Amino acid sequence: MPLIVIAEDEFLIAQVLAIMLEDAGYEVASASHGKTALALVREKRPSLVITDFMMPLMTGLELAQAMRADGELAHIPIILVSGAQGSIGRAHPDVFDAVLDKPYSEKKLIQTVSRLLP
């Protein structure tokens, strides 16, 4: 079962996202900000990361840039899910494999995840 790390500082959004992914057959680990997510990614080596943009301590962009700079993590697909900063994510196609604007449909999220996982 592929592991997906979620980086989301809003608890309810993280919980709903985790439930959607678990119902679709994925294992999920969550972090409340980018720094914790980066540590989790380094420890668990997930198949994919889903991150919010605006988070305390480390933004989703900073998380993605740190992953791309690390040769052992650079290959992991990253999806940005954001309410207002989707355009920033789209301006960094070298960092994000996909950008979904909040609110996004469960179907669109699962399709995007399926497309990015081997």
PDB file of N, CA and C in Angstrom:
ATOM      1  N   MET A   1       0.856  -1.179   0.000  1.00  0.00           N
ATOM      2  CA  MET A   1       0.000   0.000   0.000  1.00  0.00           C
ATOM      3  C   MET A   1       0.901   1.240   0.000  1.00  0.00           C
ATOM      4  N   PRO A   2       0.785   2.126  -1.010  1.00  0.00           N
ATOM      5  CA  PRO A   2       1.623   3.321  -1.066  1.00  0.00           C
ATOM      6  C   PRO A   2       1.354   4.262   0.116  1.00  0.00           C
ATOM      7  N   LEU A   3       2.438   4.835   0.633  1.00  0.00           N
ATOM      8  CA  LEU A   3       2.347   5.795   1.731  1.00  0.00           C
ATOM      9  C   LEU A   3       2.360   7.205   1.170  1.00  0.00           C
ATOM     10  N   ILE A   4       1.427   8.027   1.654  1.00  0.00           N
ATOM     11  CA  ILE A   4       1.354   9.433   1.273  1.00  0.00           C
ATOM     12  C   ILE A   4       1.523  10.272   2.531  1.00  0.00           C
ATOM     13  N   VAL A   5       2.429  11.257   2.473  1.00  0.00           N
ATOM     14  CA  VAL A   5       2.590  12.201   3.578  1.00  0.00           C
ATOM     15  C   VAL A   5       1.787  13.448   3.242  1.00  0.00           C
ATOM     16  N   ILE A   6       0.978  13.884   4.206  1.00  0.00           N
ATOM     17  CA  ILE A   6       0.186  15.113   4.081  1.00  0.00           C
ATOM     18  C   ILE A   6       0.799  16.174   4.980  1.00  0.00           C
ATOM     19  N   ALA A   7       1.084  17.343   4.421  1.00  0.00           N
ATOM     20  CA  ALA A   7       1.550  18.488   5.196  1.00  0.00           C
ATOM     21  C   ALA A   7       0.438  19.536   5.159  1.00  0.00           C
ATOM     22  N   GLU A   8      -0.272  19.678   6.258  1.00  0.00           N
ATOM     23  CA  GLU A   8      -1.444  20.574   6.327  1.00  0.00           C
ATOM     24  C   GLU A   8      -1.611  21.042   7.758  1.00  0.00           C
ATOM     25  N   ASP A   9      -1.627  22.366   7.962  1.00  0.00           N
ATOM     26  CA  ASP A   9      -1.718  22.899   9.325  1.00  0.00           C
ATOM     27  C   ASP A   9      -3.146  23.009   9.847  1.00  0.00           C
ATOM     28  N   GLU A  10      -4.132  22.891   8.976  1.00  0.00           N
ATOM     29  CA  GLU A  10      -5.521  22.928   9.441  1.00  0.00           C
ATOM     30  C   GLU A  10      -5.988  21.492   9.690  1.00  0.00           C
ATOM     31  N   PHE A  11      -6.202  21.179  10.958  1.00  0.00           N
ATOM     32  CA  PHE A  11      -6.481  19.815  11.392  1.00  0.00           C
ATOM     33  C   PHE A  11      -7.634  19.173  10.635  1.00  0.00           C
ATOM     34  N   LEU A  12      -8.760  19.868  10.506  1.00  0.00           N
ATOM     35  CA  LEU A  12      -9.927  19.270   9.856  1.00  0.00           C
ATOM     36  C   LEU A  12      -9.678  18.975   8.382  1.00  0.00           C
ATOM     37  N   ILE A  13      -8.972  19.862   7.707  1.00  0.00           N
ATOM     38  CA  ILE A  13      -8.649  19.622   6.294  1.00  0.00           C
ATOM     39  C   ILE A  13      -7.734  18.410   6.176  1.00  0.00           C
ATOM     40  N   ALA A  14      -6.735  18.328   7.055  1.00  0.00           N
ATOM     41  CA  ALA A  14      -5.822  17.181   7.044  1.00  0.00           C
ATOM     42  C   ALA A  14      -6.579  15.881   7.305  1.00  0.00           C
ATOM     43  N   GLN A  15      -7.522  15.940   8.233  1.00  0.00           N
ATOM     44  CA  GLN A  15      -8.286  14.747   8.585  1.00  0.00           C
ATOM     45  C   GLN A  15      -9.171  14.287   7.420  1.00  0.00           C
ATOM     46  N   VAL A  16      -9.853  15.214   6.771  1.00  0.00           N
ATOM     47  CA  VAL A  16     -10.707  14.875   5.626  1.00  0.00           C
ATOM     48  C   VAL A  16      -9.856  14.317   4.486  1.00  0.00           C
ATOM     49  N   LEU A  17      -8.724  14.944   4.232  1.00  0.00           N
ATOM     50  CA  LEU A  17      -7.818  14.479   3.186  1.00  0.00           C
ATOM     51  C   LEU A  17      -7.332  13.059   3.486  1.00  0.00           C
ATOM     52  N   ALA A  18      -6.957  12.814   4.728  1.00  0.00           N
ATOM     53  CA  ALA A  18      -6.493  11.479   5.129  1.00  0.00           C
ATOM     54  C   ALA A  18      -7.589  10.433   4.934  1.00  0.00           C
ATOM     55  N   ILE A  19      -8.806  10.759   5.311  1.00  0.00           N
ATOM     56  CA  ILE A  19      -9.920   9.821   5.155  1.00  0.00           C
ATOM     57  C   ILE A  19     -10.157   9.510   3.678  1.00  0.00           C
ATOM     58  N   MET A  20     -10.134  10.544   2.821  1.00  0.00           N
ATOM     59  CA  MET A  20     -10.329  10.330   1.383  1.00  0.00           C
ATOM     60  C   MET A  20      -9.270   9.387   0.831  1.00  0.00           C
ATOM     61  N   LEU A  21      -8.023   9.627   1.208  1.00  0.00           N
ATOM     62  CA  LEU A  21      -6.922   8.817   0.691  1.00  0.00           C
ATOM     63  C   LEU A  21      -6.953   7.390   1.240  1.00  0.00           C
ATOM     64  N   GLU A  22      -7.255   7.249   2.526  1.00  0.00           N
ATOM     65  CA  GLU A  22      -7.349   5.912   3.122  1.00  0.00           C
ATOM     66  C   GLU A  22      -8.481   5.110   2.489  1.00  0.00           C
ATOM     67  N   ASP A  23      -9.615   5.780   2.235  1.00  0.00           N
ATOM     68  CA  ASP A  23     -10.744   5.108   1.582  1.00  0.00           C
ATOM     69  C   ASP A  23     -10.381   4.654   0.161  1.00  0.00           C
ATOM     70  N   ALA A  24      -9.420   5.354  -0.452  1.00  0.00           N
ATOM     71  CA  ALA A  24      -8.979   4.993  -1.804  1.00  0.00           C
ATOM     72  C   ALA A  24      -7.863   3.947  -1.781  1.00  0.00           C
ATOM     73  N   GLY A  25      -7.478   3.507  -0.564  1.00  0.00           N
ATOM     74  CA  GLY A  25      -6.506   2.424  -0.464  1.00  0.00           C
ATOM     75  C   GLY A  25      -5.079   2.829  -0.179  1.00  0.00           C
ATOM     76  N   TYR A  26      -4.869   4.064   0.257  1.00  0.00           N
ATOM     77  CA  TYR A  26      -3.518   4.528   0.553  1.00  0.00           C
ATOM     78  C   TYR A  26      -3.276   4.580   2.054  1.00  0.00           C
ATOM     79  N   GLU A  27      -2.024   4.419   2.443  1.00  0.00           N
ATOM     80  CA  GLU A  27      -1.613   4.635   3.826  1.00  0.00           C
ATOM     81  C   GLU A  27      -1.243   6.113   3.938  1.00  0.00           C
ATOM     82  N   VAL A  28      -1.564   6.738   5.075  1.00  0.00           N
ATOM     83  CA  VAL A  28      -1.357   8.172   5.223  1.00  0.00           C
ATOM     84  C   VAL A  28      -0.631   8.487   6.526  1.00  0.00           C
ATOM     85  N   ALA A  29       0.303   9.432   6.441  1.00  0.00           N
ATOM     86  CA  ALA A  29       0.948  10.004   7.618  1.00  0.00           C
ATOM     87  C   ALA A  29       0.821  11.515   7.484  1.00  0.00           C
ATOM     88  N   SER A  30       0.449  12.195   8.572  1.00  0.00           N
ATOM     89  CA  SER A  30       0.202  13.633   8.504  1.00  0.00           C
ATOM     90  C   SER A  30       1.184  14.420   9.362  1.00  0.00           C
ATOM     91  N   ALA A  31       1.447  15.646   8.919  1.00  0.00           N
ATOM     92  CA  ALA A  31       2.296  16.582   9.649  1.00  0.00           C
ATOM     93  C   ALA A  31       1.612  17.941   9.631  1.00  0.00           C
ATOM     94  N   SER A  32       1.739  18.688  10.728  1.00  0.00           N
ATOM     95  CA  SER A  32       1.037  19.968  10.839  1.00  0.00           C
ATOM     96  C   SER A  32       1.818  21.148  10.272  1.00  0.00           C
ATOM     97  N   HIS A  33       3.044  20.938   9.821  1.00  0.00           N
ATOM     98  CA  HIS A  33       3.797  21.994   9.140  1.00  0.00           C
ATOM     99  C   HIS A  33       4.930  21.366   8.334  1.00  0.00           C
ATOM    100  N   GLY A  34       5.561  22.168   7.519  1.00  0.00           N
ATOM    101  CA  GLY A  34       6.568  21.674   6.594  1.00  0.00           C
ATOM    102  C   GLY A  34       7.779  21.033   7.244  1.00  0.00           C
ATOM    103  N   LYS A  35       8.242  21.578   8.363  1.00  0.00           N
ATOM    104  CA  LYS A  35       9.436  21.006   9.011  1.00  0.00           C
ATOM    105  C   LYS A  35       9.173  19.588   9.494  1.00  0.00           C
ATOM    106  N   THR A  36       8.037  19.371  10.118  1.00  0.00           N
ATOM    107  CA  THR A  36       7.683  18.029  10.559  1.00  0.00           C
ATOM    108  C   THR A  36       7.480  17.120   9.352  1.00  0.00           C
ATOM    109  N   ALA A  37       6.874  17.645   8.306  1.00  0.00           N
ATOM    110  CA  ALA A  37       6.655  16.852   7.093  1.00  0.00           C
ATOM    111  C   ALA A  37       7.987  16.427   6.481  1.00  0.00           C
ATOM    112  N   LEU A  38       8.959  17.329   6.442  1.00  0.00           N
ATOM    113  CA  LEU A  38      10.257  17.001   5.869  1.00  0.00           C
ATOM    114  C   LEU A  38      10.932  15.887   6.675  1.00  0.00           C
ATOM    115  N   ALA A  39      10.851  15.975   7.991  1.00  0.00           N
ATOM    116  CA  ALA A  39      11.409  14.920   8.838  1.00  0.00           C
ATOM    117  C   ALA A  39      10.697  13.586   8.581  1.00  0.00           C
ATOM    118  N   LEU A  40       9.378  13.643   8.431  1.00  0.00           N
ATOM    119  CA  LEU A  40       8.583  12.438   8.163  1.00  0.00           C
ATOM    120  C   LEU A  40       8.957  11.827   6.804  1.00  0.00           C
ATOM    121  N   VAL A  41       9.139  12.678   5.811  1.00  0.00           N
ATOM    122  CA  VAL A  41       9.526  12.214   4.472  1.00  0.00           C
ATOM    123  C   VAL A  41      10.903  11.551   4.529  1.00  0.00           C
ATOM    124  N   ARG A  42      11.823  12.164   5.249  1.00  0.00           N
ATOM    125  CA  ARG A  42      13.170  11.585   5.369  1.00  0.00           C
ATOM    126  C   ARG A  42      13.132  10.234   6.083  1.00  0.00           C
ATOM    127  N   GLU A  43      12.274  10.125   7.082  1.00  0.00           N
ATOM    128  CA  GLU A  43      12.179   8.888   7.863  1.00  0.00           C
ATOM    129  C   GLU A  43      11.449   7.782   7.118  1.00  0.00           C
ATOM    130  N   LYS A  44      10.302   8.109   6.503  1.00  0.00           N
ATOM    131  CA  LYS A  44       9.415   7.084   5.963  1.00  0.00           C
ATOM    132  C   LYS A  44       9.536   6.859   4.461  1.00  0.00           C
ATOM    133  N   ARG A  45      10.142   7.788   3.724  1.00  0.00           N
ATOM    134  CA  ARG A  45      10.288   7.654   2.272  1.00  0.00           C
ATOM    135  C   ARG A  45       8.960   7.321   1.590  1.00  0.00           C
ATOM    136  N   PRO A  46       8.006   8.254   1.651  1.00  0.00           N
ATOM    137  CA  PRO A  46       6.681   7.987   1.078  1.00  0.00           C
ATOM    138  C   PRO A  46       6.711   7.909  -0.445  1.00  0.00           C
ATOM    139  N   SER A  47       5.619   7.438  -0.992  1.00  0.00           N
ATOM    140  CA  SER A  47       5.462   7.373  -2.447  1.00  0.00           C
ATOM    141  C   SER A  47       5.078   8.720  -3.030  1.00  0.00           C
ATOM    142  N   LEU A  48       4.483   9.602  -2.186  1.00  0.00           N
ATOM    143  CA  LEU A  48       3.973  10.883  -2.663  1.00  0.00           C
ATOM    144  C   LEU A  48       3.788  11.810  -1.467  1.00  0.00           C
ATOM    145  N   VAL A  49       3.867  13.121  -1.712  1.00  0.00           N
ATOM    146  CA  VAL A  49       3.616  14.128  -0.679  1.00  0.00           C
ATOM    147  C   VAL A  49       2.534  15.073  -1.182  1.00  0.00           C
ATOM    148  N   ILE A  50       1.593  15.393  -0.298  1.00  0.00           N
ATOM    149  CA  ILE A  50       0.574  16.410  -0.579  1.00  0.00           C
ATOM    150  C   ILE A  50       0.782  17.511   0.448  1.00  0.00           C
ATOM    151  N   THR A  51       0.970  18.736  -0.022  1.00  0.00           N
ATOM    152  CA  THR A  51       1.241  19.829   0.896  1.00  0.00           C
ATOM    153  C   THR A  51       0.370  21.051   0.639  1.00  0.00           C
ATOM    154  N   ASP A  52       0.027  21.710   1.722  1.00  0.00           N
ATOM    155  CA  ASP A  52      -0.595  23.026   1.673  1.00  0.00           C
ATOM    156  C   ASP A  52       0.529  24.021   1.391  1.00  0.00           C
ATOM    157  N   PHE A  53       0.187  25.246   1.059  1.00  0.00           N
ATOM    158  CA  PHE A  53       1.221  26.258   0.842  1.00  0.00           C
ATOM    159  C   PHE A  53       1.535  26.991   2.141  1.00  0.00           C
ATOM    160  N   MET A  54       0.527  27.662   2.700  1.00  0.00           N
ATOM    161  CA  MET A  54       0.734  28.486   3.890  1.00  0.00           C
ATOM    162  C   MET A  54       0.693  27.627   5.154  1.00  0.00           C
ATOM    163  N   MET A  55       1.863  27.459   5.783  1.00  0.00           N
ATOM    164  CA  MET A  55       1.964  26.716   7.037  1.00  0.00           C
ATOM    165  C   MET A  55       3.031  27.388   7.891  1.00  0.00           C
ATOM    166  N   PRO A  56       2.938  27.222   9.209  1.00  0.00           N
ATOM    167  CA  PRO A  56       3.982  27.789  10.070  1.00  0.00           C
ATOM    168  C   PRO A  56       5.299  27.024   9.918  1.00  0.00           C
ATOM    169  N   LEU A  57       6.382  27.662  10.254  1.00  0.00           N
ATOM    170  CA  LEU A  57       7.744  27.114  10.303  1.00  0.00           C
ATOM    171  C   LEU A  57       8.367  26.833   8.943  1.00  0.00           C
ATOM    172  N   MET A  58       7.605  26.307   8.006  1.00  0.00           N
ATOM    173  CA  MET A  58       8.109  26.034   6.659  1.00  0.00           C
ATOM    174  C   MET A  58       6.919  25.941   5.722  1.00  0.00           C
ATOM    175  N   THR A  59       6.923  26.754   4.673  1.00  0.00           N
ATOM    176  CA  THR A  59       5.811  26.726   3.716  1.00  0.00           C
ATOM    177  C   THR A  59       5.883  25.472   2.845  1.00  0.00           C
ATOM    178  N   GLY A  60       4.818  25.231   2.126  1.00  0.00           N
ATOM    179  CA  GLY A  60       4.802  24.114   1.194  1.00  0.00           C
ATOM    180  C   GLY A  60       5.860  24.272   0.110  1.00  0.00           C
ATOM    181  N   LEU A  61       6.095  25.508  -0.328  1.00  0.00           N
ATOM    182  CA  LEU A  61       7.133  25.758  -1.330  1.00  0.00           C
ATOM    183  C   LEU A  61       8.509  25.432  -0.758  1.00  0.00           C
ATOM    184  N   GLU A  62       8.771  25.857   0.468  1.00  0.00           N
ATOM    185  CA  GLU A  62      10.060  25.562   1.099  1.00  0.00           C
ATOM    186  C   GLU A  62      10.249  24.056   1.303  1.00  0.00           C
ATOM    187  N   LEU A  63       9.177  23.372   1.684  1.00  0.00           N
ATOM    188  CA  LEU A  63       9.220  21.911   1.834  1.00  0.00           C
ATOM    189  C   LEU A  63       9.581  21.262   0.502  1.00  0.00           C
ATOM    190  N   ALA A  64       8.889  21.653  -0.553  1.00  0.00           N
ATOM    191  CA  ALA A  64       9.130  21.073  -1.875  1.00  0.00           C
ATOM    192  C   ALA A  64      10.552  21.374  -2.355  1.00  0.00           C
ATOM    193  N   GLN A  65      11.025  22.592  -2.126  1.00  0.00           N
ATOM    194  CA  GLN A  65      12.383  22.946  -2.543  1.00  0.00           C
ATOM    195  C   GLN A  65      13.424  22.135  -1.774  1.00  0.00           C
ATOM    196  N   ALA A  66      13.181  21.929  -0.480  1.00  0.00           N
ATOM    197  CA  ALA A  66      14.107  21.123   0.325  1.00  0.00           C
ATOM    198  C   ALA A  66      14.136  19.680  -0.174  1.00  0.00           C
ATOM    199  N   MET A  67      12.970  19.148  -0.536  1.00  0.00           N
ATOM    200  CA  MET A  67      12.919  17.782  -1.063  1.00  0.00           C
ATOM    201  C   MET A  67      13.647  17.686  -2.403  1.00  0.00           C
ATOM    202  N   ARG A  68      13.442  18.645  -3.290  1.00  0.00           N
ATOM    203  CA  ARG A  68      14.087  18.616  -4.608  1.00  0.00           C
ATOM    204  C   ARG A  68      15.604  18.776  -4.493  1.00  0.00           C
ATOM    205  N   ALA A  69      16.069  19.450  -3.451  1.00  0.00           N
ATOM    206  CA  ALA A  69      17.503  19.658  -3.247  1.00  0.00           C
ATOM    207  C   ALA A  69      18.186  18.430  -2.643  1.00  0.00           C
ATOM    208  N   ASP A  70      17.412  17.484  -2.134  1.00  0.00           N
ATOM    209  CA  ASP A  70      17.936  16.280  -1.501  1.00  0.00           C
ATOM    210  C   ASP A  70      17.873  15.138  -2.517  1.00  0.00           C
ATOM    211  N   GLY A  71      19.024  14.656  -2.931  1.00  0.00           N
ATOM    212  CA  GLY A  71      19.082  13.615  -3.959  1.00  0.00           C
ATOM    213  C   GLY A  71      18.277  12.370  -3.638  1.00  0.00           C
ATOM    214  N   GLU A  72      18.087  12.066  -2.360  1.00  0.00           N
ATOM    215  CA  GLU A  72      17.337  10.871  -1.976  1.00  0.00           C
ATOM    216  C   GLU A  72      15.828  11.096  -1.970  1.00  0.00           C
ATOM    217  N   LEU A  73      15.405  12.358  -1.994  1.00  0.00           N
ATOM    218  CA  LEU A  73      13.974  12.683  -1.936  1.00  0.00           C
ATOM    219  C   LEU A  73      13.458  13.331  -3.221  1.00  0.00           C
ATOM    220  N   ALA A  74      14.364  13.753  -4.080  1.00  0.00           N
ATOM    221  CA  ALA A  74      14.007  14.566  -5.248  1.00  0.00           C
ATOM    222  C   ALA A  74      13.019  13.888  -6.194  1.00  0.00           C
ATOM    223  N   HIS A  75      12.980  12.559  -6.198  1.00  0.00           N
ATOM    224  CA  HIS A  75      12.110  11.825  -7.132  1.00  0.00           C
ATOM    225  C   HIS A  75      10.669  11.695  -6.642  1.00  0.00           C
ATOM    226  N   ILE A  76      10.407  12.023  -5.373  1.00  0.00           N
ATOM    227  CA  ILE A  76       9.071  11.835  -4.799  1.00  0.00           C
ATOM    228  C   ILE A  76       8.113  12.885  -5.376  1.00  0.00           C
ATOM    229  N   PRO A  77       6.998  12.467  -5.962  1.00  0.00           N
ATOM    230  CA  PRO A  77       6.033  13.433  -6.498  1.00  0.00           C
ATOM    231  C   PRO A  77       5.419  14.287  -5.377  1.00  0.00           C
ATOM    232  N   ILE A  78       5.180  15.562  -5.694  1.00  0.00           N
ATOM    233  CA  ILE A  78       4.608  16.507  -4.731  1.00  0.00           C
ATOM    234  C   ILE A  78       3.401  17.185  -5.357  1.00  0.00           C
ATOM    235  N   ILE A  79       2.287  17.134  -4.633  1.00  0.00           N
ATOM    236  CA  ILE A  79       1.070  17.837  -5.046  1.00  0.00           C
ATOM    237  C   ILE A  79       0.870  19.009  -4.094  1.00  0.00           C
ATOM    238  N   LEU A  80       0.702  20.198  -4.647  1.00  0.00           N
ATOM    239  CA  LEU A  80       0.355  21.373  -3.846  1.00  0.00           C
ATOM    240  C   LEU A  80      -1.154  21.530  -3.865  1.00  0.00           C
ATOM    241  N   VAL A  81      -1.762  21.623  -2.683  1.00  0.00           N
ATOM    242  CA  VAL A  81      -3.187  21.946  -2.576  1.00  0.00           C
ATOM    243  C   VAL A  81      -3.269  23.277  -1.831  1.00  0.00           C
ATOM    244  N   SER A  82      -3.843  24.284  -2.486  1.00  0.00           N
ATOM    245  CA  SER A  82      -3.808  25.617  -1.900  1.00  0.00           C
ATOM    246  C   SER A  82      -5.055  26.407  -2.259  1.00  0.00           C
ATOM    247  N   GLY A  83      -5.440  27.274  -1.345  1.00  0.00           N
ATOM    248  CA  GLY A  83      -6.591  28.128  -1.569  1.00  0.00           C
ATOM    249  C   GLY A  83      -6.254  29.351  -2.400  1.00  0.00           C
ATOM    250  N   ALA A  84      -5.195  30.050  -2.039  1.00  0.00           N
ATOM    251  CA  ALA A  84      -4.889  31.313  -2.696  1.00  0.00           C
ATOM    252  C   ALA A  84      -3.549  31.322  -3.413  1.00  0.00           C
ATOM    253  N   GLN A  85      -2.692  30.357  -3.136  1.00  0.00           N
ATOM    254  CA  GLN A  85      -1.337  30.402  -3.679  1.00  0.00           C
ATOM    255  C   GLN A  85      -1.101  29.406  -4.815  1.00  0.00           C
ATOM    256  N   GLY A  86      -2.160  28.933  -5.430  1.00  0.00           N
ATOM    257  CA  GLY A  86      -2.013  27.998  -6.538  1.00  0.00           C
ATOM    258  C   GLY A  86      -1.173  28.558  -7.671  1.00  0.00           C
ATOM    259  N   SER A  87      -1.303  29.862  -7.928  1.00  0.00           N
ATOM    260  CA  SER A  87      -0.521  30.476  -9.012  1.00  0.00           C
ATOM    261  C   SER A  87       0.973  30.430  -8.705  1.00  0.00           C
ATOM    262  N   ILE A  88       1.339  30.551  -7.434  1.00  0.00           N
ATOM    263  CA  ILE A  88       2.752  30.446  -7.051  1.00  0.00           C
ATOM    264  C   ILE A  88       3.239  29.025  -7.334  1.00  0.00           C
ATOM    265  N   GLY A  89       2.426  28.045  -6.991  1.00  0.00           N
ATOM    266  CA  GLY A  89       2.792  26.661  -7.270  1.00  0.00           C
ATOM    267  C   GLY A  89       2.948  26.394  -8.756  1.00  0.00           C
ATOM    268  N   ARG A  90       2.049  26.940  -9.560  1.00  0.00           N
ATOM    269  CA  ARG A  90       2.113  26.740 -11.008  1.00  0.00           C
ATOM    270  C   ARG A  90       3.340  27.427 -11.608  1.00  0.00           C
ATOM    271  N   ALA A  91       3.843  28.449 -10.933  1.00  0.00           N
ATOM    272  CA  ALA A  91       5.049  29.147 -11.388  1.00  0.00           C
ATOM    273  C   ALA A  91       6.312  28.338 -11.082  1.00  0.00           C
ATOM    274  N   HIS A  92       6.158  27.221 -10.359  1.00  0.00           N
ATOM    275  CA  HIS A  92       7.290  26.362  -9.995  1.00  0.00           C
ATOM    276  C   HIS A  92       7.047  24.910 -10.460  1.00  0.00           C
ATOM    277  N   PRO A  93       6.904  24.702 -11.780  1.00  0.00           N
ATOM    278  CA  PRO A  93       6.650  23.342 -12.263  1.00  0.00           C
ATOM    279  C   PRO A  93       7.838  22.407 -12.025  1.00  0.00           C
ATOM    280  N   ASP A  94       9.000  22.969 -11.736  1.00  0.00           N
ATOM    281  CA  ASP A  94      10.176  22.163 -11.421  1.00  0.00           C
ATOM    282  C   ASP A  94      10.108  21.599 -10.004  1.00  0.00           C
ATOM    283  N   VAL A  95       9.194  22.137  -9.199  1.00  0.00           N
ATOM    284  CA  VAL A  95       9.089  21.754  -7.793  1.00  0.00           C
ATOM    285  C   VAL A  95       7.831  20.928  -7.527  1.00  0.00           C
ATOM    286  N   PHE A  96       6.700  21.350  -8.108  1.00  0.00           N
ATOM    287  CA  PHE A  96       5.427  20.655  -7.879  1.00  0.00           C
ATOM    288  C   PHE A  96       5.030  19.858  -9.117  1.00  0.00           C
ATOM    289  N   ASP A  97       4.598  18.620  -8.891  1.00  0.00           N
ATOM    290  CA  ASP A  97       4.153  17.767  -9.993  1.00  0.00           C
ATOM    291  C   ASP A  97       2.711  18.054 -10.382  1.00  0.00           C
ATOM    292  N   ALA A  98       1.951  18.613  -9.443  1.00  0.00           N
ATOM    293  CA  ALA A  98       0.553  18.982  -9.710  1.00  0.00           C
ATOM    294  C   ALA A  98       0.143  20.044  -8.698  1.00  0.00           C
ATOM    295  N   VAL A  99      -0.802  20.879  -9.093  1.00  0.00           N
ATOM    296  CA  VAL A  99      -1.361  21.907  -8.213  1.00  0.00           C
ATOM    297  C   VAL A  99      -2.876  21.799  -8.284  1.00  0.00           C
ATOM    298  N   LEU A 100      -3.508  21.655  -7.110  1.00  0.00           N
ATOM    299  CA  LEU A 100      -4.966  21.631  -7.019  1.00  0.00           C
ATOM    300  C   LEU A 100      -5.420  22.806  -6.178  1.00  0.00           C
ATOM    301  N   ASP A 101      -6.388  23.550  -6.693  1.00  0.00           N
ATOM    302  CA  ASP A 101      -6.928  24.690  -5.950  1.00  0.00           C
ATOM    303  C   ASP A 101      -8.023  24.221  -5.009  1.00  0.00           C
ATOM    304  N   LYS A 102      -7.974  24.722  -3.770  1.00  0.00           N
ATOM    305  CA  LYS A 102      -9.046  24.443  -2.803  1.00  0.00           C
ATOM    306  C   LYS A 102     -10.224  25.339  -3.152  1.00  0.00           C
ATOM    307  N   PRO A 103     -11.435  24.858  -3.083  1.00  0.00           N
ATOM    308  CA  PRO A 103     -11.804  23.476  -2.786  1.00  0.00           C
ATOM    309  C   PRO A 103     -11.665  22.616  -4.036  1.00  0.00           C
ATOM    310  N   TYR A 104     -11.174  21.415  -3.860  1.00  0.00           N
ATOM    311  CA  TYR A 104     -11.010  20.476  -4.956  1.00  0.00           C
ATOM    312  C   TYR A 104     -11.931  19.289  -4.695  1.00  0.00           C
ATOM    313  N   SER A 105     -12.287  18.592  -5.759  1.00  0.00           N
ATOM    314  CA  SER A 105     -13.167  17.434  -5.585  1.00  0.00           C
ATOM    315  C   SER A 105     -12.334  16.221  -5.193  1.00  0.00           C
ATOM    316  N   GLU A 106     -12.956  15.323  -4.464  1.00  0.00           N
ATOM    317  CA  GLU A 106     -12.290  14.080  -4.086  1.00  0.00           C
ATOM    318  C   GLU A 106     -11.864  13.317  -5.340  1.00  0.00           C
ATOM    319  N   LYS A 107     -12.722  13.284  -6.345  1.00  0.00           N
ATOM    320  CA  LYS A 107     -12.426  12.577  -7.583  1.00  0.00           C
ATOM    321  C   LYS A 107     -11.167  13.141  -8.245  1.00  0.00           C
ATOM    322  N   LYS A 108     -11.056  14.452  -8.316  1.00  0.00           N
ATOM    323  CA  LYS A 108      -9.889  15.097  -8.939  1.00  0.00           C
ATOM    324  C   LYS A 108      -8.621  14.778  -8.153  1.00  0.00           C
ATOM    325  N   LEU A 109      -8.705  14.815  -6.834  1.00  0.00           N
ATOM    326  CA  LEU A 109      -7.546  14.510  -5.996  1.00  0.00           C
ATOM    327  C   LEU A 109      -7.084  13.070  -6.226  1.00  0.00           C
ATOM    328  N   ILE A 110      -7.998  12.126  -6.160  1.00  0.00           N
ATOM    329  CA  ILE A 110      -7.648  10.715  -6.311  1.00  0.00           C
ATOM    330  C   ILE A 110      -7.105  10.450  -7.722  1.00  0.00           C
ATOM    331  N   GLN A 111      -7.686  11.074  -8.731  1.00  0.00           N
ATOM    332  CA  GLN A 111      -7.178  10.925 -10.100  1.00  0.00           C
ATOM    333  C   GLN A 111      -5.747  11.448 -10.207  1.00  0.00           C
ATOM    334  N   THR A 112      -5.476  12.578  -9.582  1.00  0.00           N
ATOM    335  CA  THR A 112      -4.136  13.166  -9.616  1.00  0.00           C
ATOM    336  C   THR A 112      -3.129  12.282  -8.900  1.00  0.00           C
ATOM    337  N   VAL A 113      -3.510  11.779  -7.731  1.00  0.00           N
ATOM    338  CA  VAL A 113      -2.644  10.870  -6.983  1.00  0.00           C
ATOM    339  C   VAL A 113      -2.352   9.626  -7.816  1.00  0.00           C
ATOM    340  N   SER A 114      -3.386   9.033  -8.386  1.00  0.00           N
ATOM    341  CA  SER A 114      -3.222   7.806  -9.196  1.00  0.00           C
ATOM    342  C   SER A 114      -2.300   8.041 -10.389  1.00  0.00           C
ATOM    343  N   ARG A 115      -2.427   9.202 -11.006  1.00  0.00           N
ATOM    344  CA  ARG A 115      -1.598   9.527 -12.167  1.00  0.00           C
ATOM    345  C   ARG A 115      -0.116   9.660 -11.794  1.00  0.00           C
ATOM    346  N   LEU A 116       0.157  10.166 -10.603  1.00  0.00           N
ATOM    347  CA  LEU A 116       1.537  10.413 -10.194  1.00  0.00           C
ATOM    348  C   LEU A 116       2.237   9.210  -9.558  1.00  0.00           C
ATOM    349  N   LEU A 117       1.453   8.259  -9.088  1.00  0.00           N
ATOM    350  CA  LEU A 117       2.077   7.093  -8.455  1.00  0.00           C
ATOM    351  C   LEU A 117       2.420   6.035  -9.496  1.00  0.00           C
ATOM    352  N   PRO A 118       3.580   5.388  -9.338  1.00  0.00           N
ATOM    353  CA  PRO A 118       3.995   4.370 -10.319  1.00  0.00           C
ATOM    354  C   PRO A 118       3.095   3.150 -10.303  1.00  0.00           C
TER     355      PRO A 118
END
